[in-house]
Amino acid sequence: MLLALFNIADLLLRVLSWLVIGQVVLSWLVAFNVINTSSEGVRRFLQGLERFLDPLYRPIRKIMPDFGGLDLSPVVLLIAISIIRMLLAGLASDVAV
């Protein structure tokens, strides 16, 4: 039962990683004017994704120094997610034994 909870947490962290990567790619596409944000559906999707991920970025942005227009908080979040996944994998292997 506990191993299943570790697997569910790992799955949720993987989904979160893909959401962060997708948000970064979409922000690049908007910045290079590949995606037109005048479309209501696209704008709502981007705003929803930003509202979902902004509470995760905010503490990182408070700690990180200002790099001008370069936002490294998604990279730091992805590294933190990877570390948490490694710790969960270690705990799961300890529980399985």
PDB file of N, CA and C in Angstrom:
ATOM      1  N   MET A   1       0.819  -1.190   0.000  1.00  0.00           N
ATOM      2  CA  MET A   1       0.000   0.000   0.000  1.00  0.00           C
ATOM      3  C   MET A   1       0.866   1.259   0.000  1.00  0.00           C
ATOM      4  N   LEU A   2       1.908   1.272   0.821  1.00  0.00           N
ATOM      5  CA  LEU A   2       2.790   2.428   0.892  1.00  0.00           C
ATOM      6  C   LEU A   2       3.571   2.608  -0.409  1.00  0.00           C
ATOM      7  N   LEU A   3       3.939   1.487  -1.025  1.00  0.00           N
ATOM      8  CA  LEU A   3       4.652   1.556  -2.297  1.00  0.00           C
ATOM      9  C   LEU A   3       3.764   2.168  -3.382  1.00  0.00           C
ATOM     10  N   ALA A   4       2.480   1.866  -3.350  1.00  0.00           N
ATOM     11  CA  ALA A   4       1.549   2.463  -4.317  1.00  0.00           C
ATOM     12  C   ALA A   4       1.465   3.974  -4.126  1.00  0.00           C
ATOM     13  N   LEU A   5       1.497   4.441  -2.891  1.00  0.00           N
ATOM     14  CA  LEU A   5       1.478   5.888  -2.639  1.00  0.00           C
ATOM     15  C   LEU A   5       2.736   6.560  -3.172  1.00  0.00           C
ATOM     16  N   PHE A   6       3.877   5.887  -3.026  1.00  0.00           N
ATOM     17  CA  PHE A   6       5.118   6.425  -3.593  1.00  0.00           C
ATOM     18  C   PHE A   6       5.018   6.506  -5.115  1.00  0.00           C
ATOM     19  N   ASN A   7       4.422   5.496  -5.732  1.00  0.00           N
ATOM     20  CA  ASN A   7       4.265   5.502  -7.190  1.00  0.00           C
ATOM     21  C   ASN A   7       3.317   6.612  -7.642  1.00  0.00           C
ATOM     22  N   ILE A   8       2.253   6.852  -6.893  1.00  0.00           N
ATOM     23  CA  ILE A   8       1.327   7.931  -7.232  1.00  0.00           C
ATOM     24  C   ILE A   8       2.020   9.288  -7.099  1.00  0.00           C
ATOM     25  N   ALA A   9       2.796   9.473  -6.033  1.00  0.00           N
ATOM     26  CA  ALA A   9       3.534  10.728  -5.856  1.00  0.00           C
ATOM     27  C   ALA A   9       4.533  10.924  -6.982  1.00  0.00           C
ATOM     28  N   ASP A  10       5.202   9.859  -7.399  1.00  0.00           N
ATOM     29  CA  ASP A  10       6.159   9.945  -8.497  1.00  0.00           C
ATOM     30  C   ASP A  10       5.451  10.318  -9.800  1.00  0.00           C
ATOM     31  N   LEU A  11       4.289   9.732 -10.034  1.00  0.00           N
ATOM     32  CA  LEU A  11       3.519  10.058 -11.232  1.00  0.00           C
ATOM     33  C   LEU A  11       3.107  11.532 -11.235  1.00  0.00           C
ATOM     34  N   LEU A  12       2.628  12.018 -10.104  1.00  0.00           N
ATOM     35  CA  LEU A  12       2.228  13.423 -10.018  1.00  0.00           C
ATOM     36  C   LEU A  12       3.412  14.361 -10.229  1.00  0.00           C
ATOM     37  N   LEU A  13       4.575  13.985  -9.719  1.00  0.00           N
ATOM     38  CA  LEU A  13       5.772  14.813  -9.928  1.00  0.00           C
ATOM     39  C   LEU A  13       6.208  14.793 -11.390  1.00  0.00           C
ATOM     40  N   ARG A  14       6.054  13.645 -12.061  1.00  0.00           N
ATOM     41  CA  ARG A  14       6.371  13.588 -13.493  1.00  0.00           C
ATOM     42  C   ARG A  14       5.421  14.467 -14.299  1.00  0.00           C
ATOM     43  N   VAL A  15       4.132  14.434 -13.955  1.00  0.00           N
ATOM     44  CA  VAL A  15       3.157  15.279 -14.651  1.00  0.00           C
ATOM     45  C   VAL A  15       3.485  16.749 -14.418  1.00  0.00           C
ATOM     46  N   LEU A  16       3.849  17.095 -13.187  1.00  0.00           N
ATOM     47  CA  LEU A  16       4.235  18.471 -12.887  1.00  0.00           C
ATOM     48  C   LEU A  16       5.457  18.893 -13.700  1.00  0.00           C
ATOM     49  N   SER A  17       6.415  17.991 -13.850  1.00  0.00           N
ATOM     50  CA  SER A  17       7.594  18.299 -14.663  1.00  0.00           C
ATOM     51  C   SER A  17       7.199  18.604 -16.104  1.00  0.00           C
ATOM     52  N   TRP A  18       6.310  17.800 -16.659  1.00  0.00           N
ATOM     53  CA  TRP A  18       5.882  18.024 -18.040  1.00  0.00           C
ATOM     54  C   TRP A  18       5.084  19.312 -18.174  1.00  0.00           C
ATOM     55  N   LEU A  19       4.311  19.671 -17.147  1.00  0.00           N
ATOM     56  CA  LEU A  19       3.590  20.946 -17.182  1.00  0.00           C
ATOM     57  C   LEU A  19       4.557  22.122 -17.185  1.00  0.00           C
ATOM     58  N   VAL A  20       5.615  22.026 -16.384  1.00  0.00           N
ATOM     59  CA  VAL A  20       6.622  23.099 -16.349  1.00  0.00           C
ATOM     60  C   VAL A  20       7.314  23.216 -17.706  1.00  0.00           C
ATOM     61  N   ILE A  21       7.699  22.086 -18.273  1.00  0.00           N
ATOM     62  CA  ILE A  21       8.365  22.101 -19.580  1.00  0.00           C
ATOM     63  C   ILE A  21       7.425  22.660 -20.645  1.00  0.00           C
ATOM     64  N   GLY A  22       6.170  22.249 -20.616  1.00  0.00           N
ATOM     65  CA  GLY A  22       5.200  22.763 -21.579  1.00  0.00           C
ATOM     66  C   GLY A  22       4.988  24.252 -21.438  1.00  0.00           C
ATOM     67  N   GLN A  23       4.934  24.737 -20.204  1.00  0.00           N
ATOM     68  CA  GLN A  23       4.752  26.166 -19.984  1.00  0.00           C
ATOM     69  C   GLN A  23       5.948  26.961 -20.488  1.00  0.00           C
ATOM     70  N   VAL A  24       7.144  26.424 -20.300  1.00  0.00           N
ATOM     71  CA  VAL A  24       8.353  27.104 -20.788  1.00  0.00           C
ATOM     72  C   VAL A  24       8.346  27.163 -22.313  1.00  0.00           C
ATOM     73  N   VAL A  25       8.036  26.058 -22.952  1.00  0.00           N
ATOM     74  CA  VAL A  25       8.009  26.029 -24.420  1.00  0.00           C
ATOM     75  C   VAL A  25       6.941  26.979 -24.959  1.00  0.00           C
ATOM     76  N   LEU A  26       5.767  26.969 -24.338  1.00  0.00           N
ATOM     77  CA  LEU A  26       4.707  27.874 -24.784  1.00  0.00           C
ATOM     78  C   LEU A  26       5.091  29.338 -24.582  1.00  0.00           C
ATOM     79  N   SER A  27       5.794  29.643 -23.497  1.00  0.00           N
ATOM     80  CA  SER A  27       6.220  31.034 -23.295  1.00  0.00           C
ATOM     81  C   SER A  27       7.234  31.450 -24.353  1.00  0.00           C
ATOM     82  N   TRP A  28       8.096  30.528 -24.769  1.00  0.00           N
ATOM     83  CA  TRP A  28       9.024  30.837 -25.862  1.00  0.00           C
ATOM     84  C   TRP A  28       8.266  31.077 -27.166  1.00  0.00           C
ATOM     85  N   LEU A  29       7.263  30.240 -27.433  1.00  0.00           N
ATOM     86  CA  LEU A  29       6.491  30.402 -28.663  1.00  0.00           C
ATOM     87  C   LEU A  29       5.735  31.728 -28.672  1.00  0.00           C
ATOM     88  N   VAL A  30       5.254  32.156 -27.518  1.00  0.00           N
ATOM     89  CA  VAL A  30       4.589  33.454 -27.424  1.00  0.00           C
ATOM     90  C   VAL A  30       5.608  34.574 -27.609  1.00  0.00           C
ATOM     91  N   ALA A  31       6.778  34.429 -27.005  1.00  0.00           N
ATOM     92  CA  ALA A  31       7.808  35.472 -27.108  1.00  0.00           C
ATOM     93  C   ALA A  31       8.284  35.653 -28.544  1.00  0.00           C
ATOM     94  N   PHE A  32       8.360  34.557 -29.317  1.00  0.00           N
ATOM     95  CA  PHE A  32       8.806  34.640 -30.706  1.00  0.00           C
ATOM     96  C   PHE A  32       7.644  34.824 -31.678  1.00  0.00           C
ATOM     97  N   ASN A  33       6.460  35.108 -31.122  1.00  0.00           N
ATOM     98  CA  ASN A  33       5.258  35.405 -31.896  1.00  0.00           C
ATOM     99  C   ASN A  33       4.848  34.252 -32.815  1.00  0.00           C
ATOM    100  N   VAL A  34       5.074  33.032 -32.383  1.00  0.00           N
ATOM    101  CA  VAL A  34       4.619  31.859 -33.127  1.00  0.00           C
ATOM    102  C   VAL A  34       3.168  31.571 -32.762  1.00  0.00           C
ATOM    103  N   ILE A  35       2.837  31.745 -31.483  1.00  0.00           N
ATOM    104  CA  ILE A  35       1.469  31.569 -31.008  1.00  0.00           C
ATOM    105  C   ILE A  35       0.863  32.951 -30.809  1.00  0.00           C
ATOM    106  N   ASN A  36      -0.316  33.140 -31.353  1.00  0.00           N
ATOM    107  CA  ASN A  36      -0.991  34.418 -31.254  1.00  0.00           C
ATOM    108  C   ASN A  36      -1.856  34.430 -29.998  1.00  0.00           C
ATOM    109  N   THR A  37      -1.582  35.334 -29.091  1.00  0.00           N
ATOM    110  CA  THR A  37      -2.325  35.390 -27.838  1.00  0.00           C
ATOM    111  C   THR A  37      -3.609  36.208 -27.954  1.00  0.00           C
ATOM    112  N   SER A  38      -3.936  36.672 -29.152  1.00  0.00           N
ATOM    113  CA  SER A  38      -5.202  37.377 -29.308  1.00  0.00           C
ATOM    114  C   SER A  38      -6.375  36.409 -29.330  1.00  0.00           C
ATOM    115  N   SER A  39      -6.104  35.137 -29.524  1.00  0.00           N
ATOM    116  CA  SER A  39      -7.140  34.116 -29.457  1.00  0.00           C
ATOM    117  C   SER A  39      -7.542  33.900 -27.997  1.00  0.00           C
ATOM    118  N   GLU A  40      -8.839  33.941 -27.727  1.00  0.00           N
ATOM    119  CA  GLU A  40      -9.338  33.831 -26.353  1.00  0.00           C
ATOM    120  C   GLU A  40      -8.982  32.487 -25.721  1.00  0.00           C
ATOM    121  N   GLY A  41      -9.101  31.406 -26.473  1.00  0.00           N
ATOM    122  CA  GLY A  41      -8.803  30.073 -25.933  1.00  0.00           C
ATOM    123  C   GLY A  41      -7.341  29.905 -25.571  1.00  0.00           C
ATOM    124  N   VAL A  42      -6.471  30.378 -26.442  1.00  0.00           N
ATOM    125  CA  VAL A  42      -5.031  30.285 -26.178  1.00  0.00           C
ATOM    126  C   VAL A  42      -4.666  31.133 -24.975  1.00  0.00           C
ATOM    127  N   ARG A  43      -5.232  32.327 -24.897  1.00  0.00           N
ATOM    128  CA  ARG A  43      -4.921  33.221 -23.785  1.00  0.00           C
ATOM    129  C   ARG A  43      -5.393  32.626 -22.460  1.00  0.00           C
ATOM    130  N   ARG A  44      -6.586  32.041 -22.442  1.00  0.00           N
ATOM    131  CA  ARG A  44      -7.085  31.426 -21.213  1.00  0.00           C
ATOM    132  C   ARG A  44      -6.257  30.215 -20.804  1.00  0.00           C
ATOM    133  N   PHE A  45      -5.832  29.419 -21.784  1.00  0.00           N
ATOM    134  CA  PHE A  45      -4.996  28.259 -21.476  1.00  0.00           C
ATOM    135  C   PHE A  45      -3.673  28.691 -20.865  1.00  0.00           C
ATOM    136  N   LEU A  46      -3.044  29.699 -21.454  1.00  0.00           N
ATOM    137  CA  LEU A  46      -1.768  30.196 -20.940  1.00  0.00           C
ATOM    138  C   LEU A  46      -1.932  30.815 -19.553  1.00  0.00           C
ATOM    139  N   GLN A  47      -3.021  31.550 -19.340  1.00  0.00           N
ATOM    140  CA  GLN A  47      -3.256  32.147 -18.026  1.00  0.00           C
ATOM    141  C   GLN A  47      -3.533  31.075 -16.976  1.00  0.00           C
ATOM    142  N   GLY A  48      -4.276  30.037 -17.354  1.00  0.00           N
ATOM    143  CA  GLY A  48      -4.549  28.953 -16.413  1.00  0.00           C
ATOM    144  C   GLY A  48      -3.285  28.214 -16.024  1.00  0.00           C
ATOM    145  N   LEU A  49      -2.431  27.958 -17.004  1.00  0.00           N
ATOM    146  CA  LEU A  49      -1.160  27.297 -16.725  1.00  0.00           C
ATOM    147  C   LEU A  49      -0.275  28.175 -15.852  1.00  0.00           C
ATOM    148  N   GLU A  50      -0.287  29.474 -16.102  1.00  0.00           N
ATOM    149  CA  GLU A  50       0.506  30.402 -15.289  1.00  0.00           C
ATOM    150  C   GLU A  50      -0.034  30.483 -13.861  1.00  0.00           C
ATOM    151  N   ARG A  51      -1.350  30.506 -13.711  1.00  0.00           N
ATOM    152  CA  ARG A  51      -1.938  30.545 -12.371  1.00  0.00           C
ATOM    153  C   ARG A  51      -1.660  29.271 -11.594  1.00  0.00           C
ATOM    154  N   PHE A  52      -1.572  28.152 -12.287  1.00  0.00           N
ATOM    155  CA  PHE A  52      -1.287  26.884 -11.628  1.00  0.00           C
ATOM    156  C   PHE A  52       0.169  26.799 -11.172  1.00  0.00           C
ATOM    157  N   LEU A  53       1.094  27.276 -12.005  1.00  0.00           N
ATOM    158  CA  LEU A  53       2.514  27.117 -11.717  1.00  0.00           C
ATOM    159  C   LEU A  53       3.120  28.306 -10.965  1.00  0.00           C
ATOM    160  N   ASP A  54       2.473  29.455 -10.990  1.00  0.00           N
ATOM    161  CA  ASP A  54       3.043  30.635 -10.336  1.00  0.00           C
ATOM    162  C   ASP A  54       3.263  30.455  -8.831  1.00  0.00           C
ATOM    163  N   PRO A  55       2.370  29.797  -8.078  1.00  0.00           N
ATOM    164  CA  PRO A  55       2.666  29.586  -6.655  1.00  0.00           C
ATOM    165  C   PRO A  55       3.911  28.728  -6.418  1.00  0.00           C
ATOM    166  N   LEU A  56       4.289  27.915  -7.380  1.00  0.00           N
ATOM    167  CA  LEU A  56       5.514  27.130  -7.247  1.00  0.00           C
ATOM    168  C   LEU A  56       6.748  27.955  -7.614  1.00  0.00           C
ATOM    169  N   TYR A  57       6.582  28.872  -8.560  1.00  0.00           N
ATOM    170  CA  TYR A  57       7.694  29.716  -8.982  1.00  0.00           C
ATOM    171  C   TYR A  57       7.975  30.844  -7.991  1.00  0.00           C
ATOM    172  N   ARG A  58       6.942  31.351  -7.336  1.00  0.00           N
ATOM    173  CA  ARG A  58       7.070  32.551  -6.507  1.00  0.00           C
ATOM    174  C   ARG A  58       8.144  32.442  -5.422  1.00  0.00           C
ATOM    175  N   PRO A  59       8.188  31.352  -4.615  1.00  0.00           N
ATOM    176  CA  PRO A  59       9.256  31.288  -3.600  1.00  0.00           C
ATOM    177  C   PRO A  59      10.657  31.216  -4.213  1.00  0.00           C
ATOM    178  N   ILE A  60      10.757  30.587  -5.367  1.00  0.00           N
ATOM    179  CA  ILE A  60      12.052  30.489  -6.040  1.00  0.00           C
ATOM    180  C   ILE A  60      12.472  31.866  -6.543  1.00  0.00           C
ATOM    181  N   ARG A  61      11.534  32.611  -7.083  1.00  0.00           N
ATOM    182  CA  ARG A  61      11.837  33.954  -7.600  1.00  0.00           C
ATOM    183  C   ARG A  61      12.237  34.913  -6.486  1.00  0.00           C
ATOM    184  N   LYS A  62      11.722  34.692  -5.273  1.00  0.00           N
ATOM    185  CA  LYS A  62      12.109  35.548  -4.147  1.00  0.00           C
ATOM    186  C   LYS A  62      13.559  35.312  -3.747  1.00  0.00           C
ATOM    187  N   ILE A  63      14.022  34.074  -3.879  1.00  0.00           N
ATOM    188  CA  ILE A  63      15.384  33.718  -3.473  1.00  0.00           C
ATOM    189  C   ILE A  63      16.398  34.033  -4.574  1.00  0.00           C
ATOM    190  N   MET A  64      16.024  33.769  -5.824  1.00  0.00           N
ATOM    191  CA  MET A  64      16.953  33.928  -6.946  1.00  0.00           C
ATOM    192  C   MET A  64      17.249  35.404  -7.206  1.00  0.00           C
ATOM    193  N   PRO A  65      18.479  35.712  -7.602  1.00  0.00           N
ATOM    194  CA  PRO A  65      18.782  37.102  -7.979  1.00  0.00           C
ATOM    195  C   PRO A  65      18.120  37.448  -9.312  1.00  0.00           C
ATOM    196  N   ASP A  66      17.995  38.726  -9.595  1.00  0.00           N
ATOM    197  CA  ASP A  66      17.372  39.188 -10.827  1.00  0.00           C
ATOM    198  C   ASP A  66      18.369  39.066 -11.970  1.00  0.00           C
ATOM    199  N   PHE A  67      17.976  38.318 -13.002  1.00  0.00           N
ATOM    200  CA  PHE A  67      18.818  38.147 -14.178  1.00  0.00           C
ATOM    201  C   PHE A  67      18.289  38.945 -15.361  1.00  0.00           C
ATOM    202  N   GLY A  68      17.549  39.989 -15.102  1.00  0.00           N
ATOM    203  CA  GLY A  68      16.971  40.780 -16.177  1.00  0.00           C
ATOM    204  C   GLY A  68      15.759  40.070 -16.749  1.00  0.00           C
ATOM    205  N   GLY A  69      15.767  39.817 -18.034  1.00  0.00           N
ATOM    206  CA  GLY A  69      14.642  39.156 -18.690  1.00  0.00           C
ATOM    207  C   GLY A  69      14.699  37.650 -18.637  1.00  0.00           C
ATOM    208  N   LEU A  70      15.730  37.087 -18.022  1.00  0.00           N
ATOM    209  CA  LEU A  70      15.912  35.638 -17.982  1.00  0.00           C
ATOM    210  C   LEU A  70      15.353  35.089 -16.671  1.00  0.00           C
ATOM    211  N   ASP A  71      14.358  34.206 -16.784  1.00  0.00           N
ATOM    212  CA  ASP A  71      13.721  33.611 -15.612  1.00  0.00           C
ATOM    213  C   ASP A  71      14.199  32.162 -15.483  1.00  0.00           C
ATOM    214  N   LEU A  72      14.990  31.894 -14.461  1.00  0.00           N
ATOM    215  CA  LEU A  72      15.526  30.551 -14.250  1.00  0.00           C
ATOM    216  C   LEU A  72      14.728  29.749 -13.232  1.00  0.00           C
ATOM    217  N   SER A  73      13.613  30.285 -12.761  1.00  0.00           N
ATOM    218  CA  SER A  73      12.831  29.559 -11.759  1.00  0.00           C
ATOM    219  C   SER A  73      12.273  28.234 -12.273  1.00  0.00           C
ATOM    220  N   PRO A  74      11.883  28.081 -13.558  1.00  0.00           N
ATOM    221  CA  PRO A  74      11.460  26.758 -14.012  1.00  0.00           C
ATOM    222  C   PRO A  74      12.582  25.712 -13.954  1.00  0.00           C
ATOM    223  N   VAL A  75      13.806  26.139 -14.234  1.00  0.00           N
ATOM    224  CA  VAL A  75      14.941  25.215 -14.171  1.00  0.00           C
ATOM    225  C   VAL A  75      15.179  24.765 -12.729  1.00  0.00           C
ATOM    226  N   VAL A  76      15.112  25.702 -11.797  1.00  0.00           N
ATOM    227  CA  VAL A  76      15.300  25.380 -10.385  1.00  0.00           C
ATOM    228  C   VAL A  76      14.172  24.460  -9.915  1.00  0.00           C
ATOM    229  N   LEU A  77      12.954  24.726 -10.358  1.00  0.00           N
ATOM    230  CA  LEU A  77      11.827  23.870  -9.984  1.00  0.00           C
ATOM    231  C   LEU A  77      11.998  22.463 -10.545  1.00  0.00           C
ATOM    232  N   LEU A  78      12.448  22.343 -11.776  1.00  0.00           N
ATOM    233  CA  LEU A  78      12.677  21.015 -12.356  1.00  0.00           C
ATOM    234  C   LEU A  78      13.775  20.260 -11.611  1.00  0.00           C
ATOM    235  N   ILE A  79      14.809  20.959 -11.186  1.00  0.00           N
ATOM    236  CA  ILE A  79      15.868  20.319 -10.402  1.00  0.00           C
ATOM    237  C   ILE A  79      15.318  19.865  -9.056  1.00  0.00           C
ATOM    238  N   ALA A  80      14.497  20.705  -8.428  1.00  0.00           N
ATOM    239  CA  ALA A  80      13.899  20.336  -7.135  1.00  0.00           C
ATOM    240  C   ALA A  80      12.974  19.124  -7.284  1.00  0.00           C
ATOM    241  N   ILE A  81      12.204  19.092  -8.364  1.00  0.00           N
ATOM    242  CA  ILE A  81      11.328  17.941  -8.611  1.00  0.00           C
ATOM    243  C   ILE A  81      12.151  16.679  -8.802  1.00  0.00           C
ATOM    244  N   SER A  82      13.258  16.782  -9.523  1.00  0.00           N
ATOM    245  CA  SER A  82      14.128  15.615  -9.730  1.00  0.00           C
ATOM    246  C   SER A  82      14.718  15.116  -8.418  1.00  0.00           C
ATOM    247  N   ILE A  83      15.116  16.041  -7.567  1.00  0.00           N
ATOM    248  CA  ILE A  83      15.671  15.659  -6.264  1.00  0.00           C
ATOM    249  C   ILE A  83      14.604  14.966  -5.419  1.00  0.00           C
ATOM    250  N   ILE A  84      13.394  15.515  -5.412  1.00  0.00           N
ATOM    251  CA  ILE A  84      12.311  14.904  -4.647  1.00  0.00           C
ATOM    252  C   ILE A  84      11.989  13.512  -5.187  1.00  0.00           C
ATOM    253  N   ARG A  85      11.998  13.363  -6.506  1.00  0.00           N
ATOM    254  CA  ARG A  85      11.745  12.031  -7.092  1.00  0.00           C
ATOM    255  C   ARG A  85      12.825  11.034  -6.692  1.00  0.00           C
ATOM    256  N   MET A  86      14.079  11.478  -6.648  1.00  0.00           N
ATOM    257  CA  MET A  86      15.164  10.582  -6.217  1.00  0.00           C
ATOM    258  C   MET A  86      15.001  10.178  -4.763  1.00  0.00           C
ATOM    259  N   LEU A  87      14.636  11.145  -3.926  1.00  0.00           N
ATOM    260  CA  LEU A  87      14.414  10.832  -2.510  1.00  0.00           C
ATOM    261  C   LEU A  87      13.247   9.865  -2.335  1.00  0.00           C
ATOM    262  N   LEU A  88      12.179  10.065  -3.102  1.00  0.00           N
ATOM    263  CA  LEU A  88      11.042   9.148  -3.035  1.00  0.00           C
ATOM    264  C   LEU A  88      11.417   7.752  -3.511  1.00  0.00           C
ATOM    265  N   ALA A  89      12.242   7.671  -4.531  1.00  0.00           N
ATOM    266  CA  ALA A  89      12.681   6.358  -5.025  1.00  0.00           C
ATOM    267  C   ALA A  89      13.519   5.646  -3.968  1.00  0.00           C
ATOM    268  N   GLY A  90      14.373   6.398  -3.273  1.00  0.00           N
ATOM    269  CA  GLY A  90      15.156   5.794  -2.202  1.00  0.00           C
ATOM    270  C   GLY A  90      14.284   5.324  -1.059  1.00  0.00           C
ATOM    271  N   LEU A  91      13.312   6.120  -0.679  1.00  0.00           N
ATOM    272  CA  LEU A  91      12.375   5.705   0.373  1.00  0.00           C
ATOM    273  C   LEU A  91      11.571   4.489  -0.047  1.00  0.00           C
ATOM    274  N   ALA A  92      11.146   4.465  -1.314  1.00  0.00           N
ATOM    275  CA  ALA A  92      10.373   3.336  -1.791  1.00  0.00           C
ATOM    276  C   ALA A  92      11.194   2.059  -1.794  1.00  0.00           C
ATOM    277  N   SER A  93      12.481   2.166  -2.138  1.00  0.00           N
ATOM    278  CA  SER A  93      13.320   0.968  -2.116  1.00  0.00           C
ATOM    279  C   SER A  93      13.586   0.496  -0.686  1.00  0.00           C
ATOM    280  N   ASP A  94      13.668   1.445   0.258  1.00  0.00           N
ATOM    281  CA  ASP A  94      13.830   1.064   1.663  1.00  0.00           C
ATOM    282  C   ASP A  94      12.579   0.388   2.212  1.00  0.00           C
ATOM    283  N   VAL A  95      11.417   0.865   1.801  1.00  0.00           N
ATOM    284  CA  VAL A  95      10.148   0.288   2.250  1.00  0.00           C
ATOM    285  C   VAL A  95       9.945  -1.091   1.641  1.00  0.00           C
ATOM    286  N   ALA A  96      10.376  -1.273   0.388  1.00  0.00           N
ATOM    287  CA  ALA A  96      10.171  -2.549  -0.304  1.00  0.00           C
ATOM    288  C   ALA A  96      11.020  -3.662   0.301  1.00  0.00           C
ATOM    289  N   VAL A  97      12.120  -3.327   0.950  1.00  0.00           N
ATOM    290  CA  VAL A  97      13.001  -4.364   1.506  1.00  0.00           C
ATOM    291  C   VAL A  97      12.543  -4.809   2.849  1.00  0.00           C
TER     292      VAL A  97
END
